[in-house]
Amino acid sequence: DVGVLHLELTSRCNALCPLCARTTGLDYDSQLLK
């Protein structure tokens, strides 16, 4: 009897938020975001 069904649906995103799991890491040191 699932109360909440949490769906991700896609790994695509239009944004590049710097601390998101999909971007280039946590220690940037002025690296190009990708």
Full PDB file with SEQRES, HELIX, SHEET, SSBOND, CRYST1, ORIGX, SCALE, CONECT and MASTER records, all heavy atoms in Angstrom:
SEQRES   1 A   34  ASP VAL GLY VAL LEU HIS LEU GLU LEU THR SER ARG CYS          
SEQRES   2 A   34  ASN ALA LEU CYS PRO LEU CYS ALA ARG THR THR GLY LEU          
SEQRES   3 A   34  ASP TYR ASP SER GLN LEU LEU LYS                              
CRYST1    1.000    1.000    1.000  90.00  90.00  90.00 P 1           1          
ORIGX1      1.000000  0.000000  0.000000        0.00000                         
ORIGX2      0.000000  1.000000  0.000000        0.00000                         
ORIGX3      0.000000  0.000000  1.000000        0.00000                         
SCALE1      1.000000  0.000000  0.000000        0.00000                         
SCALE2      0.000000  1.000000  0.000000        0.00000                         
SCALE3      0.000000  0.000000  1.000000        0.00000                         
ATOM      1  N   ASP A   1       0.854  -1.186   0.000  1.00  0.00           N  
ATOM      2  CA  ASP A   1       0.000   0.000   0.000  1.00  0.00           C  
ATOM      3  C   ASP A   1       0.893   1.241   0.000  1.00  0.00           C  
ATOM      4  O   ASP A   1       1.069   1.921   1.001  1.00  0.00           O  
ATOM      5  CB  ASP A   1      -0.951  -0.009   1.202  1.00  0.00           C  
ATOM      6  CG  ASP A   1      -0.221  -0.155   2.523  1.00  0.00           C  
ATOM      7  OD1 ASP A   1       0.901  -0.679   2.526  1.00  0.00           O  
ATOM      8  OD2 ASP A   1      -0.782   0.274   3.551  1.00  0.00           O  
ATOM      9  N   VAL A   2       1.464   1.554  -1.161  1.00  0.00           N  
ATOM     10  CA  VAL A   2       2.372   2.679  -1.311  1.00  0.00           C  
ATOM     11  C   VAL A   2       1.610   3.983  -1.085  1.00  0.00           C  
ATOM     12  O   VAL A   2       0.567   4.217  -1.691  1.00  0.00           O  
ATOM     13  CB  VAL A   2       3.008   2.684  -2.721  1.00  0.00           C  
ATOM     14  CG1 VAL A   2       3.895   3.911  -2.910  1.00  0.00           C  
ATOM     15  CG2 VAL A   2       3.804   1.410  -2.935  1.00  0.00           C  
ATOM     16  N   GLY A   3       2.137   4.842  -0.210  1.00  0.00           N  
ATOM     17  CA  GLY A   3       1.497   6.121   0.056  1.00  0.00           C  
ATOM     18  C   GLY A   3       1.936   7.199  -0.916  1.00  0.00           C  
ATOM     19  O   GLY A   3       1.126   7.985  -1.414  1.00  0.00           O  
ATOM     20  N   VAL A   4       3.257   7.251  -1.178  1.00  0.00           N  
ATOM     21  CA  VAL A   4       3.819   8.256  -2.081  1.00  0.00           C  
ATOM     22  C   VAL A   4       4.667   7.556  -3.127  1.00  0.00           C  
ATOM     23  O   VAL A   4       5.596   6.822  -2.795  1.00  0.00           O  
ATOM     24  CB  VAL A   4       4.683   9.281  -1.329  1.00  0.00           C  
ATOM     25  CG1 VAL A   4       5.253  10.318  -2.305  1.00  0.00           C  
ATOM     26  CG2 VAL A   4       3.874   9.976  -0.235  1.00  0.00           C  
ATOM     27  N   LEU A   5       4.344   7.779  -4.381  1.00  0.00           N  
ATOM     28  CA  LEU A   5       5.128   7.245  -5.492  1.00  0.00           C  
ATOM     29  C   LEU A   5       5.976   8.388  -6.043  1.00  0.00           C  
ATOM     30  O   LEU A   5       5.458   9.366  -6.578  1.00  0.00           O  
ATOM     31  CB  LEU A   5       4.208   6.687  -6.580  1.00  0.00           C  
ATOM     32  CG  LEU A   5       4.904   6.058  -7.795  1.00  0.00           C  
ATOM     33  CD1 LEU A   5       5.706   4.834  -7.383  1.00  0.00           C  
ATOM     34  CD2 LEU A   5       3.872   5.691  -8.864  1.00  0.00           C  
ATOM     35  N   HIS A   6       7.292   8.279  -5.894  1.00  0.00           N  
ATOM     36  CA  HIS A   6       8.227   9.335  -6.299  1.00  0.00           C  
ATOM     37  C   HIS A   6       8.864   8.919  -7.620  1.00  0.00           C  
ATOM     38  O   HIS A   6       9.571   7.921  -7.685  1.00  0.00           O  
ATOM     39  CB  HIS A   6       9.286   9.509  -5.198  1.00  0.00           C  
ATOM     40  CG  HIS A   6      10.220  10.646  -5.424  1.00  0.00           C  
ATOM     41  ND1 HIS A   6      11.135  11.042  -4.469  1.00  0.00           N  
ATOM     42  CD2 HIS A   6      10.412  11.468  -6.482  1.00  0.00           C  
ATOM     43  CE1 HIS A   6      11.839  12.071  -4.936  1.00  0.00           C  
ATOM     44  NE2 HIS A   6      11.420  12.330  -6.156  1.00  0.00           N  
ATOM     45  N   LEU A   7       8.607   9.687  -8.676  1.00  0.00           N  
ATOM     46  CA  LEU A   7       9.085   9.361 -10.016  1.00  0.00           C  
ATOM     47  C   LEU A   7      10.159  10.341 -10.471  1.00  0.00           C  
ATOM     48  O   LEU A   7       9.984  11.560 -10.364  1.00  0.00           O  
ATOM     49  CB  LEU A   7       7.925   9.397 -11.015  1.00  0.00           C  
ATOM     50  CG  LEU A   7       6.733   8.478 -10.740  1.00  0.00           C  
ATOM     51  CD1 LEU A   7       5.642   8.725 -11.776  1.00  0.00           C  
ATOM     52  CD2 LEU A   7       7.152   7.020 -10.745  1.00  0.00           C  
ATOM     53  N   GLU A   8      11.261   9.800 -11.024  1.00  0.00           N  
ATOM     54  CA  GLU A   8      12.311  10.664 -11.567  1.00  0.00           C  
ATOM     55  C   GLU A   8      12.064  10.989 -13.044  1.00  0.00           C  
ATOM     56  O   GLU A   8      12.243  12.123 -13.482  1.00  0.00           O  
ATOM     57  CB  GLU A   8      13.680  10.011 -11.389  1.00  0.00           C  
ATOM     58  CG  GLU A   8      14.819  10.905 -11.821  1.00  0.00           C  
ATOM     59  CD  GLU A   8      16.171  10.404 -11.355  1.00  0.00           C  
ATOM     60  OE1 GLU A   8      16.357   9.175 -11.203  1.00  0.00           O  
ATOM     61  OE2 GLU A   8      17.048  11.245 -11.136  1.00  0.00           O  
ATOM     62  N   LEU A   9      11.690  10.027 -13.843  1.00  0.00           N  
ATOM     63  CA  LEU A   9      11.284  10.124 -15.242  1.00  0.00           C  
ATOM     64  C   LEU A   9      12.409  10.408 -16.245  1.00  0.00           C  
ATOM     65  O   LEU A   9      12.399   9.862 -17.341  1.00  0.00           O  
ATOM     66  CB  LEU A   9      10.175  11.171 -15.434  1.00  0.00           C  
ATOM     67  CG  LEU A   9       8.837  10.876 -14.748  1.00  0.00           C  
ATOM     68  CD1 LEU A   9       7.818  11.954 -15.103  1.00  0.00           C  
ATOM     69  CD2 LEU A   9       8.312   9.506 -15.117  1.00  0.00           C  
ATOM     70  N   THR A  10      13.371  11.252 -15.925  1.00  0.00           N  
ATOM     71  CA  THR A  10      14.403  11.586 -16.908  1.00  0.00           C  
ATOM     72  C   THR A  10      15.679  12.051 -16.229  1.00  0.00           C  
ATOM     73  O   THR A  10      15.656  12.539 -15.093  1.00  0.00           O  
ATOM     74  CB  THR A  10      13.900  12.687 -17.869  1.00  0.00           C  
ATOM     75  OG1 THR A  10      14.887  12.924 -18.880  1.00  0.00           O  
ATOM     76  CG2 THR A  10      13.619  13.989 -17.128  1.00  0.00           C  
ATOM     77  N   SER A  11      16.792  11.892 -16.939  1.00  0.00           N  
ATOM     78  CA  SER A  11      18.070  12.440 -16.464  1.00  0.00           C  
ATOM     79  C   SER A  11      18.423  13.717 -17.213  1.00  0.00           C  
ATOM     80  O   SER A  11      19.513  14.260 -17.047  1.00  0.00           O  
ATOM     81  CB  SER A  11      19.190  11.406 -16.632  1.00  0.00           C  
ATOM     82  OG  SER A  11      19.361  11.065 -18.005  1.00  0.00           O  
ATOM     83  N   ARG A  12      17.514  14.198 -18.042  1.00  0.00           N  
ATOM     84  CA  ARG A  12      17.764  15.409 -18.833  1.00  0.00           C  
ATOM     85  C   ARG A  12      17.385  16.664 -18.034  1.00  0.00           C  
ATOM     86  O   ARG A  12      16.436  16.650 -17.250  1.00  0.00           O  
ATOM     87  CB  ARG A  12      16.954  15.382 -20.132  1.00  0.00           C  
ATOM     88  CG  ARG A  12      17.201  14.156 -20.989  1.00  0.00           C  
ATOM     89  CD  ARG A  12      16.303  14.136 -22.218  1.00  0.00           C  
ATOM     90  NE  ARG A  12      16.329  12.839 -22.862  1.00  0.00           N  
ATOM     91  CZ  ARG A  12      17.230  12.465 -23.756  1.00  0.00           C  
ATOM     92  NH1 ARG A  12      18.176  13.321 -24.119  1.00  0.00           N  
ATOM     93  NH2 ARG A  12      17.199  11.258 -24.294  1.00  0.00           N  
ATOM     94  N   CYS A  13      18.111  17.738 -18.260  1.00  0.00           N  
ATOM     95  CA  CYS A  13      17.790  19.006 -17.613  1.00  0.00           C  
ATOM     96  C   CYS A  13      18.329  20.150 -18.455  1.00  0.00           C  
ATOM     97  O   CYS A  13      19.398  20.039 -19.071  1.00  0.00           O  
ATOM     98  CB  CYS A  13      18.381  19.068 -16.202  1.00  0.00           C  
ATOM     99  SG  CYS A  13      17.860  20.532 -15.267  1.00  0.00           S  
ATOM    100  N   ASN A  14      17.590  21.227 -18.494  1.00  0.00           N  
ATOM    101  CA  ASN A  14      18.031  22.417 -19.222  1.00  0.00           C  
ATOM    102  C   ASN A  14      19.043  23.234 -18.435  1.00  0.00           C  
ATOM    103  O   ASN A  14      19.780  24.051 -19.000  1.00  0.00           O  
ATOM    104  CB  ASN A  14      16.829  23.306 -19.539  1.00  0.00           C  
ATOM    105  CG  ASN A  14      16.107  23.772 -18.275  1.00  0.00           C  
ATOM    106  OD1 ASN A  14      15.698  22.941 -17.466  1.00  0.00           O  
ATOM    107  ND2 ASN A  14      15.948  25.071 -18.105  1.00  0.00           N  
ATOM    108  N   ALA A  15      19.112  23.025 -17.119  1.00  0.00           N  
ATOM    109  CA  ALA A  15      19.964  23.847 -16.261  1.00  0.00           C  
ATOM    110  C   ALA A  15      21.282  23.144 -15.934  1.00  0.00           C  
ATOM    111  O   ALA A  15      21.441  21.939 -16.145  1.00  0.00           O  
ATOM    112  CB  ALA A  15      19.228  24.202 -14.972  1.00  0.00           C  
ATOM    113  N   LEU A  16      22.210  23.926 -15.402  1.00  0.00           N  
ATOM    114  CA  LEU A  16      23.489  23.406 -14.922  1.00  0.00           C  
ATOM    115  C   LEU A  16      23.763  23.983 -13.533  1.00  0.00           C  
ATOM    116  O   LEU A  16      24.720  24.734 -13.320  1.00  0.00           O  
ATOM    117  CB  LEU A  16      24.627  23.789 -15.872  1.00  0.00           C  
ATOM    118  CG  LEU A  16      24.855  22.910 -17.097  1.00  0.00           C  
ATOM    119  CD1 LEU A  16      25.950  23.505 -17.976  1.00  0.00           C  
ATOM    120  CD2 LEU A  16      25.237  21.482 -16.701  1.00  0.00           C  
ATOM    121  N   CYS A  17      22.927  23.659 -12.591  1.00  0.00           N  
ATOM    122  CA  CYS A  17      23.115  24.159 -11.231  1.00  0.00           C  
ATOM    123  C   CYS A  17      24.430  23.613 -10.679  1.00  0.00           C  
ATOM    124  O   CYS A  17      24.673  22.404 -10.729  1.00  0.00           O  
ATOM    125  CB  CYS A  17      21.952  23.743 -10.347  1.00  0.00           C  
ATOM    126  SG  CYS A  17      20.350  24.316 -10.958  1.00  0.00           S  
ATOM    127  N   PRO A  18      25.296  24.469 -10.155  1.00  0.00           N  
ATOM    128  CA  PRO A  18      26.661  24.058  -9.810  1.00  0.00           C  
ATOM    129  C   PRO A  18      26.774  22.990  -8.733  1.00  0.00           C  
ATOM    130  O   PRO A  18      27.762  22.256  -8.703  1.00  0.00           O  
ATOM    131  CB  PRO A  18      27.327  25.369  -9.361  1.00  0.00           C  
ATOM    132  CG  PRO A  18      26.205  26.281  -9.033  1.00  0.00           C  
ATOM    133  CD  PRO A  18      25.092  25.913  -9.952  1.00  0.00           C  
ATOM    134  N   LEU A  19      25.797  22.865  -7.854  1.00  0.00           N  
ATOM    135  CA  LEU A  19      25.882  21.850  -6.812  1.00  0.00           C  
ATOM    136  C   LEU A  19      24.880  20.723  -7.022  1.00  0.00           C  
ATOM    137  O   LEU A  19      24.551  19.995  -6.090  1.00  0.00           O  
ATOM    138  CB  LEU A  19      25.694  22.487  -5.435  1.00  0.00           C  
ATOM    139  CG  LEU A  19      26.810  23.455  -5.046  1.00  0.00           C  
ATOM    140  CD1 LEU A  19      26.541  24.071  -3.683  1.00  0.00           C  
ATOM    141  CD2 LEU A  19      28.165  22.762  -5.057  1.00  0.00           C  
ATOM    142  N   CYS A  20      24.423  20.558  -8.251  1.00  0.00           N  
ATOM    143  CA  CYS A  20      23.529  19.454  -8.587  1.00  0.00           C  
ATOM    144  C   CYS A  20      24.352  18.192  -8.840  1.00  0.00           C  
ATOM    145  O   CYS A  20      25.508  18.256  -9.260  1.00  0.00           O  
ATOM    146  CB  CYS A  20      22.712  19.800  -9.823  1.00  0.00           C  
ATOM    147  SG  CYS A  20      21.587  18.476 -10.363  1.00  0.00           S  
ATOM    148  N   ALA A  21      23.727  17.040  -8.635  1.00  0.00           N  
ATOM    149  CA  ALA A  21      24.425  15.769  -8.830  1.00  0.00           C  
ATOM    150  C   ALA A  21      24.828  15.541 -10.280  1.00  0.00           C  
ATOM    151  O   ALA A  21      25.729  14.740 -10.559  1.00  0.00           O  
ATOM    152  CB  ALA A  21      23.532  14.615  -8.361  1.00  0.00           C  
ATOM    153  N   ARG A  22      24.192  16.239 -11.230  1.00  0.00           N  
ATOM    154  CA  ARG A  22      24.461  15.976 -12.649  1.00  0.00           C  
ATOM    155  C   ARG A  22      25.614  16.808 -13.193  1.00  0.00           C  
ATOM    156  O   ARG A  22      26.031  16.627 -14.327  1.00  0.00           O  
ATOM    157  CB  ARG A  22      23.199  16.216 -13.475  1.00  0.00           C  
ATOM    158  CG  ARG A  22      22.864  17.665 -13.694  1.00  0.00           C  
ATOM    159  CD  ARG A  22      21.483  17.842 -14.335  1.00  0.00           C  
ATOM    160  NE  ARG A  22      21.198  16.893 -15.376  1.00  0.00           N  
ATOM    161  CZ  ARG A  22      21.542  17.013 -16.648  1.00  0.00           C  
ATOM    162  NH1 ARG A  22      22.248  18.070 -17.009  1.00  0.00           N  
ATOM    163  NH2 ARG A  22      21.214  16.115 -17.542  1.00  0.00           N  
ATOM    164  N   THR A  23      26.112  17.758 -12.430  1.00  0.00           N  
ATOM    165  CA  THR A  23      27.159  18.624 -12.933  1.00  0.00           C  
ATOM    166  C   THR A  23      28.544  18.170 -12.475  1.00  0.00           C  
ATOM    167  O   THR A  23      28.695  17.115 -11.869  1.00  0.00           O  
ATOM    168  CB  THR A  23      26.905  20.093 -12.550  1.00  0.00           C  
ATOM    169  OG1 THR A  23      26.624  20.165 -11.150  1.00  0.00           O  
ATOM    170  CG2 THR A  23      25.732  20.651 -13.307  1.00  0.00           C  
ATOM    171  N   THR A  24      29.549  18.973 -12.705  1.00  0.00           N  
ATOM    172  CA  THR A  24      30.928  18.490 -12.756  1.00  0.00           C  
ATOM    173  C   THR A  24      31.671  18.307 -11.446  1.00  0.00           C  
ATOM    174  O   THR A  24      32.878  18.211 -11.447  1.00  0.00           O  
ATOM    175  CB  THR A  24      31.761  19.430 -13.641  1.00  0.00           C  
ATOM    176  OG1 THR A  24      31.439  20.786 -13.311  1.00  0.00           O  
ATOM    177  CG2 THR A  24      31.505  19.178 -15.102  1.00  0.00           C  
ATOM    178  N   GLY A  25      31.010  18.271 -10.329  1.00  0.00           N  
ATOM    179  CA  GLY A  25      31.719  17.966  -9.096  1.00  0.00           C  
ATOM    180  C   GLY A  25      31.627  19.066  -8.068  1.00  0.00           C  
ATOM    181  O   GLY A  25      31.093  20.138  -8.306  1.00  0.00           O  
ATOM    182  N   LEU A  26      32.172  18.811  -6.903  1.00  0.00           N  
ATOM    183  CA  LEU A  26      32.017  19.721  -5.786  1.00  0.00           C  
ATOM    184  C   LEU A  26      33.185  20.689  -5.618  1.00  0.00           C  
ATOM    185  O   LEU A  26      33.020  21.786  -5.135  1.00  0.00           O  
ATOM    186  CB  LEU A  26      31.828  18.915  -4.495  1.00  0.00           C  
ATOM    187  CG  LEU A  26      30.582  18.016  -4.469  1.00  0.00           C  
ATOM    188  CD1 LEU A  26      30.531  17.249  -3.160  1.00  0.00           C  
ATOM    189  CD2 LEU A  26      29.323  18.841  -4.623  1.00  0.00           C  
ATOM    190  N   ASP A  27      34.383  20.287  -5.982  1.00  0.00           N  
ATOM    191  CA  ASP A  27      35.543  21.156  -5.859  1.00  0.00           C  
ATOM    192  C   ASP A  27      35.873  21.746  -7.224  1.00  0.00           C  
ATOM    193  O   ASP A  27      36.650  21.190  -7.994  1.00  0.00           O  
ATOM    194  CB  ASP A  27      36.752  20.378  -5.323  1.00  0.00           C  
ATOM    195  CG  ASP A  27      36.623  20.088  -3.841  1.00  0.00           C  
ATOM    196  OD1 ASP A  27      36.124  20.967  -3.127  1.00  0.00           O  
ATOM    197  OD2 ASP A  27      37.003  19.000  -3.419  1.00  0.00           O  
ATOM    198  N   TYR A  28      35.268  22.866  -7.538  1.00  0.00           N  
ATOM    199  CA  TYR A  28      35.370  23.405  -8.885  1.00  0.00           C  
ATOM    200  C   TYR A  28      36.697  24.104  -9.146  1.00  0.00           C  
ATOM    201  O   TYR A  28      37.325  23.910 -10.164  1.00  0.00           O  
ATOM    202  CB  TYR A  28      34.216  24.387  -9.144  1.00  0.00           C  
ATOM    203  CG  TYR A  28      32.903  23.689  -9.169  1.00  0.00           C  
ATOM    204  CD1 TYR A  28      32.027  23.783  -8.099  1.00  0.00           C  
ATOM    205  CD2 TYR A  28      32.554  22.882 -10.238  1.00  0.00           C  
ATOM    206  CE1 TYR A  28      30.829  23.114  -8.116  1.00  0.00           C  
ATOM    207  CE2 TYR A  28      31.348  22.215 -10.261  1.00  0.00           C  
ATOM    208  CZ  TYR A  28      30.489  22.330  -9.198  1.00  0.00           C  
ATOM    209  OH  TYR A  28      29.308  21.665  -9.211  1.00  0.00           O  
ATOM    210  N   ASP A  29      37.120  24.959  -8.215  1.00  0.00           N  
ATOM    211  CA  ASP A  29      38.351  25.708  -8.415  1.00  0.00           C  
ATOM    212  C   ASP A  29      38.353  26.385  -9.786  1.00  0.00           C  
ATOM    213  O   ASP A  29      39.293  26.258 -10.572  1.00  0.00           O  
ATOM    214  CB  ASP A  29      39.575  24.800  -8.269  1.00  0.00           C  
ATOM    215  CG  ASP A  29      39.708  24.258  -6.851  1.00  0.00           C  
ATOM    216  OD1 ASP A  29      39.337  24.991  -5.919  1.00  0.00           O  
ATOM    217  OD2 ASP A  29      40.161  23.122  -6.693  1.00  0.00           O  
ATOM    218  N   SER A  30      37.255  27.064 -10.079  1.00  0.00           N  
ATOM    219  CA  SER A  30      37.111  27.847 -11.310  1.00  0.00           C  
ATOM    220  C   SER A  30      37.071  26.983 -12.571  1.00  0.00           C  
ATOM    221  O   SER A  30      37.426  27.432 -13.656  1.00  0.00           O  
ATOM    222  CB  SER A  30      38.236  28.882 -11.424  1.00  0.00           C  
ATOM    223  OG  SER A  30      38.184  29.779 -10.337  1.00  0.00           O  
ATOM    224  N   GLN A  31      36.621  25.753 -12.460  1.00  0.00           N  
ATOM    225  CA  GLN A  31      36.455  24.912 -13.643  1.00  0.00           C  
ATOM    226  C   GLN A  31      35.216  25.332 -14.423  1.00  0.00           C  
ATOM    227  O   GLN A  31      34.286  25.919 -13.883  1.00  0.00           O  
ATOM    228  CB  GLN A  31      36.325  23.442 -13.241  1.00  0.00           C  
ATOM    229  CG  GLN A  31      37.585  22.854 -12.625  1.00  0.00           C  
ATOM    230  CD  GLN A  31      37.393  21.390 -12.296  1.00  0.00           C  
ATOM    231  OE1 GLN A  31      36.523  20.730 -12.849  1.00  0.00           O  
ATOM    232  NE2 GLN A  31      38.210  20.878 -11.396  1.00  0.00           N  
ATOM    233  N   LEU A  32      35.216  25.003 -15.705  1.00  0.00           N  
ATOM    234  CA  LEU A  32      34.054  25.259 -16.542  1.00  0.00           C  
ATOM    235  C   LEU A  32      32.942  24.291 -16.160  1.00  0.00           C  
ATOM    236  O   LEU A  32      33.133  23.077 -16.114  1.00  0.00           O  
ATOM    237  CB  LEU A  32      34.412  25.086 -18.023  1.00  0.00           C  
ATOM    238  CG  LEU A  32      33.275  25.354 -19.015  1.00  0.00           C  
ATOM    239  CD1 LEU A  32      32.868  26.820 -18.981  1.00  0.00           C  
ATOM    240  CD2 LEU A  32      33.700  24.947 -20.426  1.00  0.00           C  
ATOM    241  N   LEU A  33      31.776  24.832 -15.878  1.00  0.00           N  
ATOM    242  CA  LEU A  33      30.634  24.028 -15.465  1.00  0.00           C  
ATOM    243  C   LEU A  33      30.100  23.246 -16.661  1.00  0.00           C  
ATOM    244  O   LEU A  33      29.895  23.792 -17.740  1.00  0.00           O  
ATOM    245  CB  LEU A  33      29.550  24.955 -14.924  1.00  0.00           C  
ATOM    246  CG  LEU A  33      28.479  24.355 -14.012  1.00  0.00           C  
ATOM    247  CD1 LEU A  33      29.091  23.810 -12.743  1.00  0.00           C  
ATOM    248  CD2 LEU A  33      27.442  25.421 -13.687  1.00  0.00           C  
ATOM    249  N   LYS A  34      29.863  21.946 -16.486  1.00  0.00           N  
ATOM    250  CA  LYS A  34      29.326  21.123 -17.558  1.00  0.00           C  
ATOM    251  C   LYS A  34      28.651  19.887 -16.970  1.00  0.00           C  
ATOM    252  O   LYS A  34      28.803  19.573 -15.786  1.00  0.00           O  
ATOM    253  CB  LYS A  34      30.428  20.678 -18.514  1.00  0.00           C  
ATOM    254  CG  LYS A  34      31.486  19.790 -17.878  1.00  0.00           C  
ATOM    255  CD  LYS A  34      32.521  19.348 -18.907  1.00  0.00           C  
ATOM    256  CE  LYS A  34      33.543  18.404 -18.261  1.00  0.00           C  
ATOM    257  NZ  LYS A  34      34.533  17.912 -19.257  1.00  0.00           N  
TER     258      LYS A  34                                                      
MASTER        0    0    0    0    0    0    0    6  257    1    0    3          
END                                                                             
